[in-house]
């Protein structure tokens, strides 16, 4: 049985899908105006592990993760760059896809883009106005928060906190201080769409409500995202969707990953601790960054540092070293053993799952399990791939080097290894040692084994 912590109830609950033949999940995706940063990457990786787990448990999983490609930040950045929002969002969306692929994140089943659902947003807003849950004021359409009796149930904030924390402008046309925008007018120089209330654009929250409804229905199983989205975004999604559908529950389970800090501080450009995924991929393989993001429980705060990334790379070196022992191919695709899967079934305890893989790897190294031990290889790979790891051939993994790093080419290293072998065969051990030490000085570590000499970049 799968157990997950439901933010709505603040309890760990047994997961019971609405339809076991098709589990449906929505996760808030990026606003594409720049490269994805570490904070963007954590929920992508976290919910990718959940997606993989659900796929092993159920015959079909519909995973929807949106792209927000219309928002004031996007319009501001496009204007700064002197380009259209279509040009900006096309470029940044492709960069996002490339970076997440480097982290071994599977693509979602459906990836709706907000600009493709404007008509659905308008239709939902019209419903809310007709039902008395929204009103028109000076070209804006606002959600009438007091019309929903249990508004704030997800975040559990007081009335004063809801007003103070709402990311809305103080405006004289608002009936209540907590009311939030569903539609707003666009100036002539701003991007906009025709609507019953004039040319304008949607508010942020209505975008996800409309895209979720269109692709998953009025009620679905799991809604996920970062802890920072609980209020106001997810709170407002619930309000819009429930009021548009006569109180129908939006999602049965709400899951949120914890905050990410860098060197124990909030990530900030002013503190010079702001990292994009693209920057880090120049310094470490994507799998190392993925492992670093999975090293703690998804609901807990995670502190990132370059040292933590280096530790993740070193751990994967050891894991890939074990794959060298048992041979990488052929691998028979299979589910991981229950001793491993149990950690993920218990509210996605990835840190415990990682420790299970460490034990497997230690056993392989300690016992020097021989090549051809398919059981050891299949267990190791099935567990690692449940976490989205160990997809590379070990030899390719150990040849990786940071972008722009100079040094010996693969061909030059192999030539030196061949020269060392010739020296050893001629019993010229001084020359053999000299070659080994010279390679080590250039960051190339040689490892002698029964099958010959392998190498890795240190």
Protein backbone atom coordinates (compact mmCIF):
# COMPACT_ATOMS: atom_id res chain seq x y z
CA UNK A 1 0.00 0.00 0.00
CA UNK A 2 1.11 3.54 -0.77
CA UNK A 3 0.95 6.09 2.03
CA UNK A 4 1.38 9.81 1.39
CA UNK A 5 1.23 12.88 3.60
CA UNK A 6 -1.83 14.93 2.68
CA UNK A 7 -1.20 18.63 3.24
CA UNK A 8 -4.95 19.23 3.44
CA UNK A 9 -5.41 16.97 6.49
CA UNK A 10 -1.82 17.24 7.80
CA UNK A 11 -1.82 13.43 8.07
CA UNK A 12 -0.18 10.50 6.36
CA UNK A 13 -2.95 8.62 4.60
CA UNK A 14 -3.35 5.46 2.57
CA UNK A 15 -3.65 6.39 -1.09
CA UNK A 16 -6.94 5.29 -2.60
CA UNK A 17 -7.30 6.36 -6.24
CA UNK A 18 -10.60 7.48 -7.70
CA UNK A 19 -10.07 5.02 -10.56
CA UNK A 20 -7.32 2.42 -10.13
CA UNK A 21 -7.27 1.99 -13.90
CA UNK A 22 -6.14 5.59 -14.40
CA UNK A 23 -4.47 7.53 -11.59
CA UNK A 24 -4.50 11.28 -12.28
CA UNK A 25 -1.94 13.79 -10.97
CA UNK A 26 -1.36 17.50 -11.55
CA UNK A 27 1.89 19.27 -10.64
CA UNK A 28 2.50 23.00 -11.07
CA UNK A 29 5.22 23.58 -13.63
CA UNK A 30 7.52 26.54 -14.36
CA UNK A 31 6.88 30.10 -15.42
CA UNK A 32 9.18 30.25 -18.43
CA UNK A 33 10.99 33.56 -18.56
CA UNK A 34 14.53 32.41 -17.63
CA UNK A 35 16.60 29.30 -16.95
CA UNK A 36 15.23 26.92 -14.32
CA UNK A 37 16.91 27.28 -10.93
CA UNK A 38 17.39 24.74 -8.15
CA UNK A 39 14.10 25.64 -6.51
CA UNK A 40 12.31 24.85 -9.79
CA UNK A 41 14.16 21.55 -10.13
CA UNK A 42 13.33 20.05 -6.73
CA UNK A 43 9.58 19.51 -7.31
CA UNK A 44 10.26 18.23 -10.83
CA UNK A 45 12.60 15.55 -9.45
CA UNK A 46 10.43 14.75 -6.41
CA UNK A 47 7.24 14.22 -8.38
CA UNK A 48 9.13 12.36 -11.08
CA UNK A 49 9.98 9.71 -8.46
CA UNK A 50 6.30 9.60 -7.46
CA UNK A 51 5.29 9.29 -11.14
CA UNK A 52 7.65 6.33 -11.57
CA UNK A 53 6.29 4.72 -8.40
CA UNK A 54 2.67 5.14 -9.49
CA UNK A 55 3.51 3.64 -12.87
CA UNK A 56 4.76 0.49 -11.12
CA UNK A 57 1.60 0.27 -9.01
CA UNK A 58 -1.13 1.09 -11.54
CA UNK A 59 -1.74 0.26 -15.22
CA UNK A 60 -2.13 3.89 -16.28
CA UNK A 61 -1.05 7.20 -14.80
CA UNK A 62 -2.04 10.53 -16.33
CA UNK A 63 0.52 13.08 -15.20
CA UNK A 64 -0.18 16.71 -16.10
CA UNK A 65 2.48 19.36 -15.53
CA UNK A 66 1.80 22.79 -16.96
CA UNK A 67 3.89 25.50 -18.55
CA UNK A 68 2.97 29.06 -17.55
CA UNK A 69 3.77 31.02 -20.70
CA UNK A 70 1.77 34.18 -20.00
CA UNK A 71 2.47 36.19 -16.87
CA UNK A 72 3.62 39.70 -16.05
CA UNK A 73 7.20 38.56 -15.43
CA UNK A 74 7.27 37.07 -18.90
CA UNK A 75 5.94 40.25 -20.49
CA UNK A 76 8.44 42.38 -18.57
CA UNK A 77 11.38 40.19 -19.56
CA UNK A 78 10.32 40.08 -23.21
CA UNK A 79 10.07 43.87 -23.24
CA UNK A 80 13.53 44.16 -21.65
CA UNK A 81 14.95 41.81 -24.30
CA UNK A 82 13.13 43.49 -27.15
CA UNK A 83 11.47 40.23 -28.22
CA UNK A 84 7.99 38.75 -28.36
CA UNK A 85 6.68 36.59 -25.53
CA UNK A 86 6.36 33.77 -28.08
CA UNK A 87 10.08 33.97 -28.84
CA UNK A 88 11.06 34.22 -25.17
CA UNK A 89 8.84 31.38 -23.96
CA UNK A 90 9.80 29.08 -26.84
CA UNK A 91 13.48 29.49 -25.99
CA UNK A 92 13.12 29.17 -22.23
CA UNK A 93 10.72 26.23 -22.50
CA UNK A 94 13.24 24.34 -24.64
CA UNK A 95 15.96 25.15 -22.11
CA UNK A 96 13.72 23.85 -19.32
CA UNK A 97 13.08 20.61 -21.24
CA UNK A 98 16.80 20.14 -21.89
CA UNK A 99 17.75 20.75 -18.26
CA UNK A 100 15.08 18.44 -16.84
CA UNK A 101 16.06 15.72 -19.32
CA UNK A 102 19.63 16.02 -18.02
CA UNK A 103 18.17 15.29 -14.55
CA UNK A 104 16.50 12.15 -15.99
CA UNK A 105 13.02 13.59 -15.38
CA UNK A 106 10.42 11.80 -17.47
CA UNK A 107 8.18 14.02 -19.59
CA UNK A 108 4.63 14.31 -18.23
CA UNK A 109 1.73 12.64 -20.02
CA UNK A 110 0.33 16.07 -20.90
CA UNK A 111 2.13 19.42 -20.74
CA UNK A 112 -0.51 22.13 -21.24
CA UNK A 113 0.58 25.69 -21.95
CA UNK A 114 -1.51 28.46 -20.48
CA UNK A 115 -1.84 30.41 -23.74
CA UNK A 116 -3.56 27.38 -25.32
CA UNK A 117 -6.35 27.42 -22.70
CA UNK A 118 -7.48 31.04 -22.61
CA UNK A 119 -10.97 30.04 -23.79
CA UNK A 120 -11.27 27.50 -20.97
CA UNK A 121 -10.19 30.13 -18.45
CA UNK A 122 -12.77 32.59 -19.74
CA UNK A 123 -15.48 29.90 -19.54
CA UNK A 124 -14.59 29.09 -15.92
CA UNK A 125 -14.59 32.77 -14.96
CA UNK A 126 -18.02 33.18 -16.56
CA UNK A 127 -19.29 30.30 -14.42
CA UNK A 128 -17.94 31.95 -11.27
CA UNK A 129 -19.57 35.27 -12.12
CA UNK A 130 -22.90 33.56 -12.87
CA UNK A 131 -22.79 31.69 -9.55
CA UNK A 132 -22.04 34.84 -7.55
CA UNK A 133 -18.47 33.85 -6.68
CA UNK A 134 -16.87 36.55 -8.85
CA UNK A 135 -17.65 40.10 -9.90
CA UNK A 136 -16.59 42.61 -12.53
CA UNK A 137 -14.99 45.90 -11.50
CA UNK A 138 -13.25 48.44 -13.73
CA UNK A 139 -12.31 45.91 -16.39
CA UNK A 140 -11.13 43.36 -13.81
CA UNK A 141 -12.87 40.19 -12.71
CA UNK A 142 -12.18 39.28 -9.09
CA UNK A 143 -12.96 36.22 -7.02
CA UNK A 144 -15.25 37.02 -4.11
CA UNK A 145 -13.43 35.33 -1.23
CA UNK A 146 -16.22 35.75 1.40
CA UNK A 147 -18.55 33.80 -0.91
CA UNK A 148 -16.61 30.64 -0.04
CA UNK A 149 -17.17 29.69 3.57
CA UNK A 150 -14.13 27.44 4.07
CA UNK A 151 -11.59 29.54 2.18
CA UNK A 152 -8.16 29.05 3.79
CA UNK A 153 -8.67 25.39 4.70
CA UNK A 154 -5.48 24.26 2.93
CA UNK A 155 -3.12 26.87 4.36
CA UNK A 156 -4.95 27.13 7.70
CA UNK A 157 -4.26 30.84 7.91
CA UNK A 158 -6.30 33.31 9.91
CA UNK A 159 -8.35 35.99 8.20
CA UNK A 160 -5.67 38.62 8.91
CA UNK A 161 -2.93 36.35 7.59
CA UNK A 162 -4.91 35.64 4.43
CA UNK A 163 -5.26 39.33 3.73
CA UNK A 164 -1.68 40.23 4.66
CA UNK A 165 -0.16 37.35 2.72
CA UNK A 166 -2.25 37.63 -0.43
CA UNK A 167 -0.17 38.64 -3.45
CA UNK A 168 -2.79 41.10 -4.68
CA UNK A 169 -2.75 44.84 -5.17
CA UNK A 170 -4.70 47.10 -2.88
CA UNK A 171 -7.41 48.51 -5.11
CA UNK A 172 -10.49 50.63 -4.38
CA UNK A 173 -12.68 48.50 -6.65
CA UNK A 174 -12.21 45.36 -4.53
CA UNK A 175 -15.17 44.39 -2.36
CA UNK A 176 -12.94 42.55 0.13
CA UNK A 177 -9.23 42.93 0.87
CA UNK A 178 -8.63 39.22 0.23
CA UNK A 179 -10.33 39.13 -3.19
CA UNK A 180 -7.97 38.13 -5.98
CA UNK A 181 -7.83 38.71 -9.72
CA UNK A 182 -9.23 36.23 -12.22
CA UNK A 183 -8.93 38.52 -15.25
CA UNK A 184 -7.24 41.88 -15.72
CA UNK A 185 -7.15 44.40 -18.55
CA UNK A 186 -4.15 44.73 -20.83
CA UNK A 187 -2.76 48.05 -21.99
CA UNK A 188 -2.40 48.51 -25.76
CA UNK A 189 1.29 47.62 -25.62
CA UNK A 190 0.67 44.51 -23.51
CA UNK A 191 -0.31 41.07 -24.75
CA UNK A 192 -3.97 40.29 -24.33
CA UNK A 193 -7.00 38.34 -25.49
CA UNK A 194 -10.59 39.33 -26.17
CA UNK A 195 -13.10 38.46 -23.44
CA UNK A 196 -16.60 39.47 -22.29
CA UNK A 197 -14.86 42.00 -20.00
CA UNK A 198 -12.63 43.53 -22.64
CA UNK A 199 -9.15 42.79 -23.93
CA UNK A 200 -7.00 41.41 -21.15
CA UNK A 201 -5.21 38.41 -19.69
CA UNK A 202 -5.85 35.80 -17.00
CA UNK A 203 -4.68 35.87 -13.42
CA UNK A 204 -2.09 33.25 -12.46
CA UNK A 205 -4.35 31.05 -10.33
CA UNK A 206 -7.15 30.57 -12.87
CA UNK A 207 -4.65 29.17 -15.35
CA UNK A 208 -3.98 26.00 -13.36
CA UNK A 209 -7.64 25.51 -12.44
CA UNK A 210 -8.67 25.58 -16.10
CA UNK A 211 -5.81 23.40 -17.35
CA UNK A 212 -6.36 20.82 -14.60
CA UNK A 213 -10.09 20.62 -15.31
CA UNK A 214 -9.61 20.27 -19.06
CA UNK A 215 -7.05 17.47 -18.77
CA UNK A 216 -8.03 15.65 -15.57
CA UNK A 217 -11.67 16.51 -14.88
CA UNK A 218 -13.27 18.44 -12.04
CA UNK A 219 -11.82 16.09 -9.40
CA UNK A 220 -8.59 14.10 -9.60
CA UNK A 221 -6.26 12.19 -7.30
CA UNK A 222 -3.08 14.15 -6.50
CA UNK A 223 -2.08 17.80 -6.77
CA UNK A 224 1.57 18.58 -6.12
CA UNK A 225 4.02 21.45 -5.97
CA UNK A 226 6.43 23.31 -3.74
CA UNK A 227 5.59 24.38 -0.19
CA UNK A 228 5.65 28.01 -1.30
CA UNK A 229 2.60 27.40 -3.51
CA UNK A 230 0.23 26.44 -0.68
CA UNK A 231 -0.77 30.09 -0.30
CA UNK A 232 -1.96 31.86 -2.26
CA UNK A 233 -1.73 29.75 -5.41
CA UNK A 234 -3.14 26.39 -4.32
CA UNK A 235 -5.57 27.96 -1.90
CA UNK A 236 -6.96 30.05 -4.73
CA UNK A 237 -7.02 27.12 -7.13
CA UNK A 238 -9.21 25.25 -4.67
CA UNK A 239 -11.53 28.24 -4.25
CA UNK A 240 -12.01 28.78 -7.99
CA UNK A 241 -12.42 25.11 -8.89
CA UNK A 242 -14.74 24.14 -6.05
CA UNK A 243 -16.98 27.15 -6.55
CA UNK A 244 -17.11 26.58 -10.30
CA UNK A 245 -18.14 22.95 -9.74
CA UNK A 246 -20.71 23.34 -6.95
CA UNK A 247 -18.31 22.34 -4.18
CA UNK A 248 -16.72 19.30 -5.86
CA UNK A 249 -13.30 18.52 -4.39
CA UNK A 250 -10.43 19.58 -6.67
CA UNK A 251 -7.88 16.96 -5.55
CA UNK A 252 -8.13 14.24 -2.91
CA UNK A 253 -4.47 14.46 -1.92
CA UNK A 254 -2.22 17.52 -1.78
CA UNK A 255 1.54 16.98 -1.68
CA UNK A 256 4.20 19.64 -1.20
CA UNK A 257 7.98 19.42 -1.18
CA UNK A 258 9.94 21.43 1.36
CA UNK A 259 11.94 24.60 0.86
CA UNK A 260 15.43 24.57 -0.60
CA UNK A 261 18.23 26.68 0.82
CA UNK A 262 21.82 27.12 -0.32
CA UNK A 263 24.54 27.04 2.34
CA UNK A 264 21.78 27.54 4.93
CA UNK A 265 20.56 30.77 3.33
CA UNK A 266 17.66 31.55 1.04
CA UNK A 267 18.87 31.38 -2.55
CA UNK A 268 19.53 34.94 -3.69
CA UNK A 269 21.57 36.62 -6.40
CA UNK A 270 22.62 39.27 -3.91
CA UNK A 271 24.15 36.57 -1.68
CA UNK A 272 25.84 35.04 -4.73
CA UNK A 273 24.34 31.65 -3.90
CA UNK A 274 21.84 31.59 -6.75
CA UNK A 275 22.25 28.54 -8.99
CA UNK A 276 20.48 27.64 -12.19
CA UNK A 277 20.36 24.01 -13.25
CA UNK A 278 22.21 24.99 -16.43
CA UNK A 279 25.13 26.42 -14.43
CA UNK A 280 25.43 23.35 -12.21
CA UNK A 281 25.29 20.94 -15.15
CA UNK A 282 28.56 22.47 -16.33
CA UNK A 283 30.18 21.36 -13.07
CA UNK A 284 28.58 17.97 -12.36
CA UNK A 285 26.58 15.31 -14.24
CA UNK A 286 22.80 15.64 -14.11
CA UNK A 287 22.47 12.41 -12.13
CA UNK A 288 24.66 13.86 -9.37
CA UNK A 289 22.40 16.90 -9.10
CA UNK A 290 19.34 14.62 -9.07
CA UNK A 291 20.80 12.48 -6.28
CA UNK A 292 21.64 15.60 -4.26
CA UNK A 293 18.01 16.76 -4.58
CA UNK A 294 16.74 13.34 -3.42
CA UNK A 295 19.14 12.99 -0.50
CA UNK A 296 16.62 14.22 2.05
CA UNK A 297 12.93 13.51 2.58
CA UNK A 298 10.87 15.48 0.09
CA UNK A 299 8.80 17.21 2.79
CA UNK A 300 11.85 18.36 4.73
CA UNK A 301 13.90 21.48 4.05
CA UNK A 302 16.91 20.68 1.89
CA UNK A 303 20.15 22.63 2.13
CA UNK A 304 22.20 22.53 -1.05
CA UNK A 305 25.90 23.21 -1.34
CA UNK A 306 28.65 22.51 -3.84
CA UNK A 307 30.08 20.12 -1.27
CA UNK A 308 26.78 18.21 -1.19
CA UNK A 309 26.84 18.00 -4.99
CA UNK A 310 30.41 16.69 -4.89
CA UNK A 311 29.39 14.11 -2.28
CA UNK A 312 26.53 12.97 -4.54
CA UNK A 313 28.98 12.63 -7.45
CA UNK A 314 31.34 10.57 -5.26
CA UNK A 315 28.47 8.30 -4.18
CA UNK A 316 27.48 7.72 -7.79
CA UNK A 317 31.13 6.96 -8.64
CA UNK A 318 30.91 4.12 -6.13
CA UNK A 319 27.56 2.94 -7.50
CA UNK A 320 28.83 2.99 -11.07
CA UNK A 321 31.98 1.24 -9.86
CA UNK A 322 29.78 -1.60 -8.60
CA UNK A 323 28.16 -1.77 -12.02
CA UNK A 324 31.60 -2.23 -13.51
CA UNK A 325 32.02 -5.30 -11.31
CA UNK A 326 28.76 -7.01 -12.31
CA UNK A 327 28.72 -5.66 -15.89
CA UNK A 328 26.21 -3.11 -17.12
CA UNK A 329 24.52 -5.10 -19.88
CA UNK A 330 22.33 -6.98 -20.40
CA UNK A 331 19.81 -5.76 -17.86
CA UNK A 332 16.41 -7.39 -17.43
CA UNK A 333 13.87 -4.69 -16.57
CA UNK A 334 12.13 -5.64 -13.33
CA UNK A 335 10.50 -4.09 -10.28
CA UNK A 336 12.70 -3.40 -7.27
CA UNK A 337 12.44 -5.75 -4.28
CA UNK A 338 9.92 -5.06 -1.53
CA UNK A 339 12.74 -4.26 0.92
CA UNK A 340 13.54 -1.23 -1.25
CA UNK A 341 10.05 -0.37 -2.49
CA UNK A 342 8.75 -0.21 1.06
CA UNK A 343 10.76 2.97 1.65
CA UNK A 344 9.06 4.74 -1.26
CA UNK A 345 5.63 3.39 -0.37
CA UNK A 346 6.01 5.06 3.03
CA UNK A 347 5.52 8.67 1.88
CA UNK A 348 8.41 8.60 -0.58
CA UNK A 349 11.29 8.12 1.84
CA UNK A 350 14.05 8.56 -0.72
CA UNK A 351 16.84 8.87 1.86
CA UNK A 352 15.99 5.40 3.20
CA UNK A 353 15.78 4.07 -0.37
CA UNK A 354 19.25 5.50 -1.09
CA UNK A 355 20.67 3.75 1.99
CA UNK A 356 19.28 0.46 0.65
CA UNK A 357 21.20 0.99 -2.60
CA UNK A 358 24.34 1.83 -0.61
CA UNK A 359 24.08 -1.57 1.09
CA UNK A 360 23.73 -3.34 -2.25
CA UNK A 361 26.77 -1.52 -3.59
CA UNK A 362 28.82 -2.23 -0.47
CA UNK A 363 27.97 -5.91 -0.79
CA UNK A 364 29.09 -6.00 -4.41
CA UNK A 365 32.39 -4.28 -3.59
CA UNK A 366 33.03 -6.30 -0.42
CA UNK A 367 32.35 -9.71 -1.92
CA UNK A 368 33.85 -8.86 -5.28
CA UNK A 369 30.83 -10.36 -6.98
CA UNK A 370 31.93 -11.50 -10.38
CA UNK A 371 30.80 -10.33 -13.77
CA UNK A 372 27.71 -12.18 -14.84
CA UNK A 373 25.97 -12.06 -11.45
CA UNK A 374 22.67 -11.05 -13.02
CA UNK A 375 20.74 -11.10 -9.74
CA UNK A 376 23.02 -8.50 -8.13
CA UNK A 377 23.04 -6.36 -11.28
CA UNK A 378 19.27 -6.47 -11.79
CA UNK A 379 18.53 -5.63 -8.17
CA UNK A 380 20.95 -2.70 -8.19
CA UNK A 381 19.64 -1.27 -11.45
CA UNK A 382 15.96 -1.79 -10.62
CA UNK A 383 16.38 0.11 -7.34
CA UNK A 384 18.49 2.90 -8.79
CA UNK A 385 16.20 3.43 -11.76
CA UNK A 386 13.20 3.68 -9.46
CA UNK A 387 14.96 6.87 -8.37
CA UNK A 388 15.86 7.83 -11.94
CA UNK A 389 19.56 6.95 -11.55
CA UNK A 390 22.23 4.71 -13.12
CA UNK A 391 21.10 5.08 -16.71
CA UNK A 392 24.59 5.50 -18.17
CA UNK A 393 27.15 2.95 -19.16
CA UNK A 394 29.79 3.03 -16.39
CA UNK A 395 32.60 3.70 -18.85
CA UNK A 396 30.78 6.77 -20.17
CA UNK A 397 30.05 7.93 -16.63
CA UNK A 398 33.69 7.86 -15.63
CA UNK A 399 34.76 9.74 -18.75
CA UNK A 400 32.67 12.80 -17.84
CA UNK A 401 34.52 16.04 -17.22
CA UNK A 402 33.32 19.57 -16.44
CA UNK A 403 32.51 21.81 -19.38
CA UNK A 404 35.55 23.67 -20.63
CA UNK A 405 38.00 21.63 -18.58
CA UNK A 406 41.26 21.04 -20.38
CA UNK A 407 43.29 17.88 -19.97
CA UNK A 408 43.94 14.61 -21.66
CA UNK A 409 41.47 13.30 -24.20
CA UNK A 410 40.03 9.79 -23.91
CA UNK A 411 42.30 8.67 -26.74
CA UNK A 412 45.41 10.05 -25.01
CA UNK A 413 44.47 8.33 -21.75
CA UNK A 414 43.91 5.00 -23.50
CA UNK A 415 47.29 5.36 -25.24
CA UNK A 416 48.98 5.92 -21.86
CA UNK A 417 47.24 2.87 -20.42
CA UNK A 418 48.48 0.80 -23.36
CA UNK A 419 52.02 2.12 -22.80
CA UNK A 420 51.76 1.23 -19.11
CA UNK A 421 50.62 -2.30 -19.96
CA UNK A 422 53.58 -2.70 -22.32
CA UNK A 423 55.94 -1.50 -19.58
CA UNK A 424 54.49 -4.00 -17.10
CA UNK A 425 54.79 -6.83 -19.58
CA UNK A 426 58.45 -5.86 -20.04
CA UNK A 427 58.81 -5.86 -16.22
CA UNK A 428 59.70 -2.17 -16.36
CA UNK A 429 57.72 -1.37 -13.22
CA UNK A 430 59.37 1.98 -12.66
CA UNK A 431 57.99 3.19 -16.01
CA UNK A 432 54.62 1.62 -15.24
CA UNK A 433 54.45 3.50 -11.94
CA UNK A 434 55.58 6.73 -13.59
CA UNK A 435 52.74 6.56 -16.11
CA UNK A 436 50.19 5.81 -13.38
CA UNK A 437 51.41 8.70 -11.24
CA UNK A 438 51.52 11.09 -14.18
CA UNK A 439 47.92 10.26 -15.05
CA UNK A 440 46.87 10.67 -11.40
CA UNK A 441 48.48 14.12 -11.36
CA UNK A 442 46.19 15.04 -14.26
CA UNK A 443 43.08 13.77 -12.49
CA UNK A 444 42.91 10.32 -14.10
CA UNK A 445 42.68 7.40 -11.68
CA UNK A 446 43.60 3.91 -12.90
CA UNK A 447 41.99 0.82 -11.40
CA UNK A 448 43.48 -2.62 -12.10
CA UNK A 449 41.17 -5.62 -11.99
CA UNK A 450 40.77 -9.16 -13.32
CA UNK A 451 39.32 -7.84 -16.56
CA UNK A 452 42.16 -5.35 -17.06
CA UNK A 453 42.67 -1.68 -16.31
CA UNK A 454 39.82 0.81 -16.18
CA UNK A 455 40.01 4.51 -15.53
CA UNK A 456 37.97 7.37 -14.20
CA UNK A 457 38.38 11.08 -13.85
CA UNK A 458 38.93 12.01 -10.24
